Amino acid sequence: MPVLSLPRRFIIGKLKLNDPLPDGSLDEVHAVLSQDHPNLRHTHIFESDGGISECGAYIDYHVVLQPVKTNG
């Protein structure tokens, strides 16, 4: 019986991004996503962050960004 894997999807706030490198590692995907979304540079994505989406069609990785710091 063949094993099917679900496509990955990355969620940043309300933004949902499809996996730019379906065959790549999470580190490679992180590097590619950081090119278009520089606020991801100070985050890290772990395998354990993934969970099956509500519809069951994706593995969702919820990316938590660092809070914006203000002076004062």
PDB file of N, CA and C in Angstrom:
ATOM      1  N   MET A   1       0.843  -1.174   0.000  1.00  0.00           N
ATOM      2  CA  MET A   1       0.000   0.000   0.000  1.00  0.00           C
ATOM      3  C   MET A   1       0.896   1.247   0.000  1.00  0.00           C
ATOM      4  N   PRO A   2       0.748   2.129  -0.981  1.00  0.00           N
ATOM      5  CA  PRO A   2       1.582   3.326  -1.032  1.00  0.00           C
ATOM      6  C   PRO A   2       1.192   4.310   0.072  1.00  0.00           C
ATOM      7  N   VAL A   3       2.194   5.025   0.562  1.00  0.00           N
ATOM      8  CA  VAL A   3       1.973   6.029   1.596  1.00  0.00           C
ATOM      9  C   VAL A   3       1.895   7.397   0.922  1.00  0.00           C
ATOM     10  N   LEU A   4       0.830   8.112   1.176  1.00  0.00           N
ATOM     11  CA  LEU A   4       0.660   9.449   0.613  1.00  0.00           C
ATOM     12  C   LEU A   4       1.035  10.477   1.660  1.00  0.00           C
ATOM     13  N   SER A   5       1.724  11.510   1.252  1.00  0.00           N
ATOM     14  CA  SER A   5       2.048  12.581   2.182  1.00  0.00           C
ATOM     15  C   SER A   5       1.249  13.822   1.784  1.00  0.00           C
ATOM     16  N   LEU A   6       0.835  14.547   2.782  1.00  0.00           N
ATOM     17  CA  LEU A   6       0.056  15.765   2.545  1.00  0.00           C
ATOM     18  C   LEU A   6       0.987  16.910   2.188  1.00  0.00           C
ATOM     19  N   PRO A   7       0.537  17.833   1.339  1.00  0.00           N
ATOM     20  CA  PRO A   7       1.366  19.003   1.037  1.00  0.00           C
ATOM     21  C   PRO A   7       1.450  19.916   2.258  1.00  0.00           C
ATOM     22  N   ARG A   8       2.584  20.602   2.380  1.00  0.00           N
ATOM     23  CA  ARG A   8       2.782  21.531   3.490  1.00  0.00           C
ATOM     24  C   ARG A   8       2.226  22.899   3.124  1.00  0.00           C
ATOM     25  N   ARG A   9       1.765  23.607   4.149  1.00  0.00           N
ATOM     26  CA  ARG A   9       1.286  24.977   3.990  1.00  0.00           C
ATOM     27  C   ARG A   9       1.780  25.760   5.207  1.00  0.00           C
ATOM     28  N   PHE A  10       2.222  26.985   4.974  1.00  0.00           N
ATOM     29  CA  PHE A  10       2.790  27.805   6.036  1.00  0.00           C
ATOM     30  C   PHE A  10       1.863  28.976   6.302  1.00  0.00           C
ATOM     31  N   ILE A  11       1.498  29.158   7.558  1.00  0.00           N
ATOM     32  CA  ILE A  11       0.542  30.194   7.934  1.00  0.00           C
ATOM     33  C   ILE A  11       1.257  31.222   8.795  1.00  0.00           C
ATOM     34  N   ILE A  12       1.248  32.463   8.316  1.00  0.00           N
ATOM     35  CA  ILE A  12       1.858  33.588   9.025  1.00  0.00           C
ATOM     36  C   ILE A  12       0.733  34.580   9.284  1.00  0.00           C
ATOM     37  N   GLY A  13       0.236  34.609  10.501  1.00  0.00           N
ATOM     38  CA  GLY A  13      -0.930  35.437  10.801  1.00  0.00           C
ATOM     39  C   GLY A  13      -2.119  34.916  10.017  1.00  0.00           C
ATOM     40  N   LYS A  14      -2.654  35.730   9.122  1.00  0.00           N
ATOM     41  CA  LYS A  14      -3.777  35.303   8.272  1.00  0.00           C
ATOM     42  C   LYS A  14      -3.321  34.901   6.872  1.00  0.00           C
ATOM     43  N   LEU A  15      -2.044  35.073   6.594  1.00  0.00           N
ATOM     44  CA  LEU A  15      -1.475  34.749   5.290  1.00  0.00           C
ATOM     45  C   LEU A  15      -1.172  33.257   5.202  1.00  0.00           C
ATOM     46  N   LYS A  16      -1.689  32.601   4.173  1.00  0.00           N
ATOM     47  CA  LYS A  16      -1.447  31.178   3.946  1.00  0.00           C
ATOM     48  C   LYS A  16      -0.599  31.022   2.693  1.00  0.00           C
ATOM     49  N   LEU A  17       0.572  30.402   2.868  1.00  0.00           N
ATOM     50  CA  LEU A  17       1.508  30.230   1.761  1.00  0.00           C
ATOM     51  C   LEU A  17       1.682  28.751   1.451  1.00  0.00           C
ATOM     52  N   ASN A  18       1.585  28.402   0.186  1.00  0.00           N
ATOM     53  CA  ASN A  18       1.854  27.025  -0.226  1.00  0.00           C
ATOM     54  C   ASN A  18       3.354  26.778  -0.186  1.00  0.00           C
ATOM     55  N   ASP A  19       3.720  25.535  -0.097  1.00  0.00           N
ATOM     56  CA  ASP A  19       5.118  25.137   0.014  1.00  0.00           C
ATOM     57  C   ASP A  19       5.865  25.453  -1.286  1.00  0.00           C
ATOM     58  N   PRO A  20       6.897  26.325  -1.231  1.00  0.00           N
ATOM     59  CA  PRO A  20       7.638  26.644  -2.455  1.00  0.00           C
ATOM     60  C   PRO A  20       8.579  25.515  -2.894  1.00  0.00           C
ATOM     61  N   LEU A  21       8.961  24.622  -1.961  1.00  0.00           N
ATOM     62  CA  LEU A  21       9.847  23.496  -2.274  1.00  0.00           C
ATOM     63  C   LEU A  21       9.254  22.211  -1.684  1.00  0.00           C
ATOM     64  N   PRO A  22       8.306  21.595  -2.362  1.00  0.00           N
ATOM     65  CA  PRO A  22       7.651  20.416  -1.796  1.00  0.00           C
ATOM     66  C   PRO A  22       8.608  19.273  -1.428  1.00  0.00           C
ATOM     67  N   ASP A  23       9.722  19.163  -2.139  1.00  0.00           N
ATOM     68  CA  ASP A  23      10.682  18.087  -1.848  1.00  0.00           C
ATOM     69  C   ASP A  23      11.831  18.563  -0.971  1.00  0.00           C
ATOM     70  N   GLY A  24      11.826  19.832  -0.582  1.00  0.00           N
ATOM     71  CA  GLY A  24      12.918  20.383   0.217  1.00  0.00           C
ATOM     72  C   GLY A  24      12.709  20.199   1.709  1.00  0.00           C
ATOM     73  N   SER A  25      13.784  20.397   2.454  1.00  0.00           N
ATOM     74  CA  SER A  25      13.695  20.323   3.908  1.00  0.00           C
ATOM     75  C   SER A  25      13.064  21.611   4.444  1.00  0.00           C
ATOM     76  N   LEU A  26      12.699  21.599   5.715  1.00  0.00           N
ATOM     77  CA  LEU A  26      12.113  22.808   6.311  1.00  0.00           C
ATOM     78  C   LEU A  26      13.118  23.957   6.339  1.00  0.00           C
ATOM     79  N   ASP A  27      14.396  23.643   6.509  1.00  0.00           N
ATOM     80  CA  ASP A  27      15.411  24.698   6.493  1.00  0.00           C
ATOM     81  C   ASP A  27      15.506  25.354   5.116  1.00  0.00           C
ATOM     82  N   GLU A  28      15.418  24.556   4.062  1.00  0.00           N
ATOM     83  CA  GLU A  28      15.463  25.099   2.705  1.00  0.00           C
ATOM     84  C   GLU A  28      14.221  25.941   2.418  1.00  0.00           C
ATOM     85  N   VAL A  29      13.064  25.460   2.860  1.00  0.00           N
ATOM     86  CA  VAL A  29      11.818  26.208   2.659  1.00  0.00           C
ATOM     87  C   VAL A  29      11.877  27.524   3.429  1.00  0.00           C
ATOM     88  N   HIS A  30      12.404  27.473   4.648  1.00  0.00           N
ATOM     89  CA  HIS A  30      12.536  28.681   5.468  1.00  0.00           C
ATOM     90  C   HIS A  30      13.404  29.722   4.759  1.00  0.00           C
ATOM     91  N   ALA A  31      14.499  29.287   4.158  1.00  0.00           N
ATOM     92  CA  ALA A  31      15.392  30.202   3.437  1.00  0.00           C
ATOM     93  C   ALA A  31      14.676  30.840   2.244  1.00  0.00           C
ATOM     94  N   VAL A  32      13.891  30.057   1.510  1.00  0.00           N
ATOM     95  CA  VAL A  32      13.168  30.589   0.348  1.00  0.00           C
ATOM     96  C   VAL A  32      12.077  31.566   0.795  1.00  0.00           C
ATOM     97  N   LEU A  33      11.317  31.207   1.820  1.00  0.00           N
ATOM     98  CA  LEU A  33      10.251  32.093   2.299  1.00  0.00           C
ATOM     99  C   LEU A  33      10.819  33.387   2.884  1.00  0.00           C
ATOM    100  N   SER A  34      11.997  33.319   3.480  1.00  0.00           N
ATOM    101  CA  SER A  34      12.620  34.507   4.069  1.00  0.00           C
ATOM    102  C   SER A  34      13.014  35.540   3.017  1.00  0.00           C
ATOM    103  N   GLN A  35      13.203  35.102   1.786  1.00  0.00           N
ATOM    104  CA  GLN A  35      13.558  36.045   0.719  1.00  0.00           C
ATOM    105  C   GLN A  35      12.402  37.001   0.432  1.00  0.00           C
ATOM    106  N   ASP A  36      11.170  36.488   0.460  1.00  0.00           N
ATOM    107  CA  ASP A  36      10.001  37.324   0.186  1.00  0.00           C
ATOM    108  C   ASP A  36       9.392  37.915   1.457  1.00  0.00           C
ATOM    109  N   HIS A  37       9.669  37.297   2.594  1.00  0.00           N
ATOM    110  CA  HIS A  37       9.097  37.731   3.872  1.00  0.00           C
ATOM    111  C   HIS A  37      10.234  37.873   4.882  1.00  0.00           C
ATOM    112  N   PRO A  38      10.940  39.014   4.900  1.00  0.00           N
ATOM    113  CA  PRO A  38      12.117  39.175   5.756  1.00  0.00           C
ATOM    114  C   PRO A  38      11.827  39.031   7.249  1.00  0.00           C
ATOM    115  N   ASN A  39      10.576  39.224   7.665  1.00  0.00           N
ATOM    116  CA  ASN A  39      10.258  39.083   9.083  1.00  0.00           C
ATOM    117  C   ASN A  39      10.382  37.629   9.546  1.00  0.00           C
ATOM    118  N   LEU A  40      10.532  36.686   8.630  1.00  0.00           N
ATOM    119  CA  LEU A  40      10.719  35.279   8.985  1.00  0.00           C
ATOM    120  C   LEU A  40      12.166  34.950   9.335  1.00  0.00           C
ATOM    121  N   ARG A  41      13.078  35.873   9.063  1.00  0.00           N
ATOM    122  CA  ARG A  41      14.496  35.599   9.302  1.00  0.00           C
ATOM    123  C   ARG A  41      14.805  35.304  10.765  1.00  0.00           C
ATOM    124  N   HIS A  42      14.031  35.845  11.664  1.00  0.00           N
ATOM    125  CA  HIS A  42      14.303  35.672  13.094  1.00  0.00           C
ATOM    126  C   HIS A  42      13.407  34.611  13.716  1.00  0.00           C
ATOM    127  N   THR A  43      12.876  33.716  12.902  1.00  0.00           N
ATOM    128  CA  THR A  43      12.043  32.628  13.393  1.00  0.00           C
ATOM    129  C   THR A  43      12.682  31.306  12.990  1.00  0.00           C
ATOM    130  N   HIS A  44      12.118  30.239  13.480  1.00  0.00           N
ATOM    131  CA  HIS A  44      12.557  28.911  13.077  1.00  0.00           C
ATOM    132  C   HIS A  44      11.329  28.020  12.974  1.00  0.00           C
ATOM    133  N   ILE A  45      11.321  27.131  11.998  1.00  0.00           N
ATOM    134  CA  ILE A  45      10.198  26.229  11.796  1.00  0.00           C
ATOM    135  C   ILE A  45      10.673  24.816  12.127  1.00  0.00           C
ATOM    136  N   PHE A  46       9.971  24.164  13.047  1.00  0.00           N
ATOM    137  CA  PHE A  46      10.309  22.811  13.453  1.00  0.00           C
ATOM    138  C   PHE A  46       9.283  21.830  12.893  1.00  0.00           C
ATOM    139  N   GLU A  47       9.690  20.578  12.700  1.00  0.00           N
ATOM    140  CA  GLU A  47       8.757  19.536  12.263  1.00  0.00           C
ATOM    141  C   GLU A  47       7.584  19.419  13.227  1.00  0.00           C
ATOM    142  N   SER A  48       7.869  19.598  14.518  1.00  0.00           N
ATOM    143  CA  SER A  48       6.817  19.448  15.531  1.00  0.00           C
ATOM    144  C   SER A  48       5.792  20.574  15.480  1.00  0.00           C
ATOM    145  N   ASP A  49       6.070  21.651  14.732  1.00  0.00           N
ATOM    146  CA  ASP A  49       5.118  22.758  14.580  1.00  0.00           C
ATOM    147  C   ASP A  49       3.985  22.406  13.627  1.00  0.00           C
ATOM    148  N   GLY A  50       4.147  21.355  12.855  1.00  0.00           N
ATOM    149  CA  GLY A  50       3.155  20.991  11.845  1.00  0.00           C
ATOM    150  C   GLY A  50       1.983  20.229  12.436  1.00  0.00           C
ATOM    151  N   GLY A  51       0.826  20.477  11.873  1.00  0.00           N
ATOM    152  CA  GLY A  51      -0.386  19.768  12.270  1.00  0.00           C
ATOM    153  C   GLY A  51      -1.318  19.677  11.085  1.00  0.00           C
ATOM    154  N   ILE A  52      -2.176  18.691  11.092  1.00  0.00           N
ATOM    155  CA  ILE A  52      -3.106  18.505   9.973  1.00  0.00           C
ATOM    156  C   ILE A  52      -4.155  19.614  10.005  1.00  0.00           C
ATOM    157  N   SER A  53      -4.425  20.183   8.850  1.00  0.00           N
ATOM    158  CA  SER A  53      -5.391  21.279   8.736  1.00  0.00           C
ATOM    159  C   SER A  53      -6.797  20.781   9.036  1.00  0.00           C
ATOM    160  N   GLU A  54      -7.708  21.713   9.268  1.00  0.00           N
ATOM    161  CA  GLU A  54      -9.092  21.358   9.575  1.00  0.00           C
ATOM    162  C   GLU A  54      -9.747  20.580   8.427  1.00  0.00           C
ATOM    163  N   CYS A  55      -9.390  20.923   7.207  1.00  0.00           N
ATOM    164  CA  CYS A  55      -9.978  20.224   6.057  1.00  0.00           C
ATOM    165  C   CYS A  55      -9.287  18.888   5.790  1.00  0.00           C
ATOM    166  N   GLY A  56      -8.128  18.665   6.417  1.00  0.00           N
ATOM    167  CA  GLY A  56      -7.408  17.405   6.249  1.00  0.00           C
ATOM    168  C   GLY A  56      -6.611  17.302   4.964  1.00  0.00           C
ATOM    169  N   ALA A  57      -6.461  18.418   4.252  1.00  0.00           N
ATOM    170  CA  ALA A  57      -5.766  18.389   2.965  1.00  0.00           C
ATOM    171  C   ALA A  57      -4.314  18.855   3.042  1.00  0.00           C
ATOM    172  N   TYR A  58      -3.891  19.436   4.163  1.00  0.00           N
ATOM    173  CA  TYR A  58      -2.550  20.013   4.300  1.00  0.00           C
ATOM    174  C   TYR A  58      -1.953  19.678   5.657  1.00  0.00           C
ATOM    175  N   ILE A  59      -0.638  19.810   5.726  1.00  0.00           N
ATOM    176  CA  ILE A  59       0.035  19.891   7.009  1.00  0.00           C
ATOM    177  C   ILE A  59       0.346  21.370   7.196  1.00  0.00           C
ATOM    178  N   ASP A  60      -0.296  21.985   8.170  1.00  0.00           N
ATOM    179  CA  ASP A  60      -0.139  23.420   8.418  1.00  0.00           C
ATOM    180  C   ASP A  60       0.971  23.672   9.415  1.00  0.00           C
ATOM    181  N   TYR A  61       1.830  24.616   9.078  1.00  0.00           N
ATOM    182  CA  TYR A  61       2.878  25.081   9.984  1.00  0.00           C
ATOM    183  C   TYR A  61       2.536  26.525  10.339  1.00  0.00           C
ATOM    184  N   HIS A  62       2.145  26.748  11.582  1.00  0.00           N
ATOM    185  CA  HIS A  62       1.829  28.099  12.042  1.00  0.00           C
ATOM    186  C   HIS A  62       3.128  28.747  12.491  1.00  0.00           C
ATOM    187  N   VAL A  63       3.546  29.775  11.765  1.00  0.00           N
ATOM    188  CA  VAL A  63       4.800  30.458  12.050  1.00  0.00           C
ATOM    189  C   VAL A  63       4.512  31.612  12.998  1.00  0.00           C
ATOM    190  N   VAL A  64       5.168  31.606  14.149  1.00  0.00           N
ATOM    191  CA  VAL A  64       4.984  32.652  15.148  1.00  0.00           C
ATOM    192  C   VAL A  64       6.094  33.678  14.979  1.00  0.00           C
ATOM    193  N   LEU A  65       5.704  34.912  14.697  1.00  0.00           N
ATOM    194  CA  LEU A  65       6.671  35.987  14.523  1.00  0.00           C
ATOM    195  C   LEU A  65       6.991  36.632  15.862  1.00  0.00           C
ATOM    196  N   GLN A  66       8.179  37.205  15.951  1.00  0.00           N
ATOM    197  CA  GLN A  66       8.543  37.940  17.155  1.00  0.00           C
ATOM    198  C   GLN A  66       7.710  39.200  17.232  1.00  0.00           C
ATOM    199  N   PRO A  67       7.328  39.615  18.447  1.00  0.00           N
ATOM    200  CA  PRO A  67       6.546  40.849  18.567  1.00  0.00           C
ATOM    201  C   PRO A  67       7.359  42.063  18.145  1.00  0.00           C
ATOM    202  N   VAL A  68       6.659  43.058  17.634  1.00  0.00           N
ATOM    203  CA  VAL A  68       7.305  44.297  17.214  1.00  0.00           C
ATOM    204  C   VAL A  68       7.712  45.065  18.466  1.00  0.00           C
ATOM    205  N   LYS A  69       8.960  45.505  18.494  1.00  0.00           N
ATOM    206  CA  LYS A  69       9.445  46.248  19.648  1.00  0.00           C
ATOM    207  C   LYS A  69       9.367  47.742  19.348  1.00  0.00           C
ATOM    208  N   THR A  70       8.928  48.487  20.338  1.00  0.00           N
ATOM    209  CA  THR A  70       8.866  49.932  20.197  1.00  0.00           C
ATOM    210  C   THR A  70       9.783  50.583  21.214  1.00  0.00           C
ATOM    211  N   ASN A  71      10.200  51.755  20.930  1.00  0.00           N
ATOM    212  CA  ASN A  71      11.071  52.495  21.825  1.00  0.00           C
ATOM    213  C   ASN A  71      10.209  53.307  22.783  1.00  0.00           C
ATOM    214  N   GLY A  72      10.299  53.029  24.044  1.00  0.00           N
ATOM    215  CA  GLY A  72       9.593  53.852  25.015  1.00  0.00           C
ATOM    216  C   GLY A  72       8.469  53.162  25.570  1.00  0.00           C
TER     217      GLY A  72
END
